[in-house]
Amino acid sequence: MSLIDRAKATDKNIKGKVQEGVGDLTGDPKLQAEGQEKQAEAKVRNSVEDVKDRVKEITD
């Protein structure tokens, strides 16, 4: 497990949530979509790390 990669994914997720929230408050659909995109990317990054962890468990 790469803690750095997980931390980056968490950071991107938080930024995405904030961006989406600001978009909600201001009524800016572009900002909302960008925030959702960041959250989706973070979810994919975390999934990749989960797969890496599982492969490492199996191969060790």
N, C-alpha and C. Protein backbone atom coordinates (compact mmCIF):
# COMPACT_ATOMS: atom_id res chain seq x y z
N MET A 1 0.84 -1.18 0.00
CA MET A 1 0.00 0.00 0.00
C MET A 1 0.88 1.24 0.00
N SER A 2 0.60 2.10 -0.90
CA SER A 2 1.33 3.35 -0.95
C SER A 2 0.55 4.42 -0.19
N LEU A 3 1.06 4.78 0.96
CA LEU A 3 0.37 5.79 1.76
C LEU A 3 0.35 7.13 1.05
N ILE A 4 1.39 7.41 0.29
CA ILE A 4 1.43 8.67 -0.44
C ILE A 4 0.32 8.72 -1.48
N ASP A 5 0.14 7.62 -2.22
CA ASP A 5 -0.92 7.58 -3.24
C ASP A 5 -2.30 7.68 -2.60
N ARG A 6 -2.47 7.01 -1.47
CA ARG A 6 -3.76 7.09 -0.78
C ARG A 6 -4.02 8.51 -0.27
N ALA A 7 -2.98 9.14 0.25
CA ALA A 7 -3.12 10.51 0.73
C ALA A 7 -3.48 11.47 -0.41
N LYS A 8 -2.85 11.26 -1.56
CA LYS A 8 -3.17 12.09 -2.73
C LYS A 8 -4.63 11.89 -3.15
N ALA A 9 -5.08 10.65 -3.12
CA ALA A 9 -6.47 10.37 -3.49
C ALA A 9 -7.43 11.01 -2.50
N THR A 10 -7.11 10.94 -1.22
CA THR A 10 -7.95 11.55 -0.20
C THR A 10 -7.99 13.06 -0.37
N ASP A 11 -6.83 13.64 -0.65
CA ASP A 11 -6.75 15.08 -0.88
C ASP A 11 -7.63 15.49 -2.07
N LYS A 12 -7.54 14.72 -3.15
CA LYS A 12 -8.33 15.03 -4.35
C LYS A 12 -9.82 14.88 -4.05
N ASN A 13 -10.18 13.89 -3.26
CA ASN A 13 -11.58 13.68 -2.91
C ASN A 13 -12.12 14.86 -2.09
N ILE A 14 -11.34 15.30 -1.13
CA ILE A 14 -11.77 16.43 -0.30
C ILE A 14 -11.92 17.69 -1.15
N LYS A 15 -10.93 17.94 -2.00
CA LYS A 15 -11.01 19.11 -2.87
C LYS A 15 -12.24 19.03 -3.79
N GLY A 16 -12.53 17.83 -4.26
CA GLY A 16 -13.70 17.64 -5.12
C GLY A 16 -14.99 17.91 -4.38
N LYS A 17 -15.07 17.45 -3.13
CA LYS A 17 -16.27 17.69 -2.33
C LYS A 17 -16.47 19.18 -2.08
N VAL A 18 -15.38 19.86 -1.76
CA VAL A 18 -15.46 21.30 -1.52
C VAL A 18 -15.88 22.01 -2.80
N GLN A 19 -15.25 21.64 -3.90
CA GLN A 19 -15.57 22.28 -5.18
C GLN A 19 -17.03 22.05 -5.56
N GLU A 20 -17.49 20.84 -5.38
CA GLU A 20 -18.89 20.54 -5.68
C GLU A 20 -19.82 21.34 -4.77
N GLY A 21 -19.47 21.45 -3.49
CA GLY A 21 -20.27 22.22 -2.54
C GLY A 21 -20.35 23.69 -2.91
N VAL A 22 -19.22 24.25 -3.31
CA VAL A 22 -19.21 25.65 -3.75
C VAL A 22 -20.08 25.80 -4.99
N GLY A 23 -19.98 24.83 -5.89
CA GLY A 23 -20.82 24.86 -7.08
C GLY A 23 -22.29 24.80 -6.74
N ASP A 24 -22.63 23.99 -5.73
CA ASP A 24 -24.03 23.91 -5.28
C ASP A 24 -24.49 25.25 -4.73
N LEU A 25 -23.65 25.86 -3.89
CA LEU A 25 -24.01 27.13 -3.26
C LEU A 25 -24.15 28.27 -4.27
N THR A 26 -23.28 28.26 -5.28
CA THR A 26 -23.29 29.36 -6.25
C THR A 26 -24.17 29.06 -7.46
N GLY A 27 -24.63 27.82 -7.56
CA GLY A 27 -25.45 27.44 -8.70
C GLY A 27 -24.65 27.30 -9.98
N ASP A 28 -23.37 26.95 -9.83
CA ASP A 28 -22.47 26.81 -10.98
C ASP A 28 -22.34 25.33 -11.36
N PRO A 29 -23.05 24.89 -12.41
CA PRO A 29 -23.02 23.47 -12.78
C PRO A 29 -21.63 23.00 -13.24
N LYS A 30 -20.84 23.89 -13.82
CA LYS A 30 -19.49 23.51 -14.25
C LYS A 30 -18.63 23.18 -13.04
N LEU A 31 -18.71 24.00 -12.01
CA LEU A 31 -17.95 23.76 -10.79
C LEU A 31 -18.40 22.47 -10.11
N GLN A 32 -19.71 22.24 -10.11
CA GLN A 32 -20.24 21.00 -9.54
C GLN A 32 -19.68 19.79 -10.28
N ALA A 33 -19.69 19.85 -11.60
CA ALA A 33 -19.22 18.73 -12.42
C ALA A 33 -17.73 18.49 -12.21
N GLU A 34 -16.96 19.56 -12.12
CA GLU A 34 -15.52 19.41 -11.89
C GLU A 34 -15.25 18.77 -10.53
N GLY A 35 -16.04 19.15 -9.53
CA GLY A 35 -15.90 18.56 -8.20
C GLY A 35 -16.25 17.07 -8.21
N GLN A 36 -17.31 16.74 -8.92
CA GLN A 36 -17.70 15.33 -9.02
C GLN A 36 -16.65 14.52 -9.77
N GLU A 37 -16.05 15.14 -10.77
CA GLU A 37 -14.99 14.47 -11.54
C GLU A 37 -13.79 14.17 -10.64
N LYS A 38 -13.41 15.11 -9.82
CA LYS A 38 -12.29 14.90 -8.90
C LYS A 38 -12.60 13.77 -7.92
N GLN A 39 -13.83 13.74 -7.44
CA GLN A 39 -14.22 12.68 -6.51
C GLN A 39 -14.17 11.31 -7.19
N ALA A 40 -14.61 11.25 -8.43
CA ALA A 40 -14.59 9.99 -9.17
C ALA A 40 -13.15 9.54 -9.39
N GLU A 41 -12.28 10.47 -9.73
CA GLU A 41 -10.87 10.13 -9.93
C GLU A 41 -10.26 9.60 -8.63
N ALA A 42 -10.60 10.21 -7.52
CA ALA A 42 -10.09 9.76 -6.23
C ALA A 42 -10.58 8.34 -5.92
N LYS A 43 -11.81 8.07 -6.26
CA LYS A 43 -12.37 6.73 -6.02
C LYS A 43 -11.62 5.69 -6.84
N VAL A 44 -11.30 6.03 -8.09
CA VAL A 44 -10.55 5.11 -8.94
C VAL A 44 -9.15 4.89 -8.37
N ARG A 45 -8.51 5.96 -7.94
CA ARG A 45 -7.16 5.83 -7.36
C ARG A 45 -7.18 4.94 -6.12
N ASN A 46 -8.20 5.10 -5.28
CA ASN A 46 -8.30 4.24 -4.10
C ASN A 46 -8.55 2.79 -4.50
N SER A 47 -9.34 2.58 -5.53
CA SER A 47 -9.59 1.21 -6.01
C SER A 47 -8.31 0.57 -6.52
N VAL A 48 -7.50 1.34 -7.23
CA VAL A 48 -6.22 0.84 -7.72
C VAL A 48 -5.34 0.42 -6.54
N GLU A 49 -5.31 1.24 -5.52
CA GLU A 49 -4.51 0.90 -4.34
C GLU A 49 -5.05 -0.35 -3.65
N ASP A 50 -6.37 -0.51 -3.63
CA ASP A 50 -6.96 -1.73 -3.05
C ASP A 50 -6.51 -2.96 -3.83
N VAL A 51 -6.50 -2.86 -5.15
CA VAL A 51 -6.06 -3.98 -5.98
C VAL A 51 -4.59 -4.29 -5.72
N LYS A 52 -3.78 -3.25 -5.64
CA LYS A 52 -2.35 -3.45 -5.35
C LYS A 52 -2.16 -4.18 -4.02
N ASP A 53 -2.92 -3.75 -3.02
CA ASP A 53 -2.83 -4.38 -1.70
C ASP A 53 -3.23 -5.85 -1.78
N ARG A 54 -4.29 -6.12 -2.50
CA ARG A 54 -4.78 -7.51 -2.61
C ARG A 54 -3.76 -8.38 -3.33
N VAL A 55 -3.17 -7.86 -4.42
CA VAL A 55 -2.16 -8.63 -5.15
C VAL A 55 -0.97 -8.90 -4.26
N LYS A 56 -0.57 -7.91 -3.49
CA LYS A 56 0.57 -8.09 -2.58
C LYS A 56 0.27 -9.17 -1.54
N GLU A 57 -0.97 -9.18 -1.01
CA GLU A 57 -1.36 -10.19 -0.03
C GLU A 57 -1.27 -11.59 -0.65
N ILE A 58 -1.72 -11.71 -1.88
CA ILE A 58 -1.74 -13.02 -2.53
C ILE A 58 -0.33 -13.50 -2.84
N THR A 59 0.53 -12.58 -3.26
CA THR A 59 1.87 -12.98 -3.68
C THR A 59 2.85 -13.13 -2.54
N ASP A 60 2.52 -12.60 -1.37
CA ASP A 60 3.44 -12.73 -0.22
C ASP A 60 3.28 -14.04 0.49
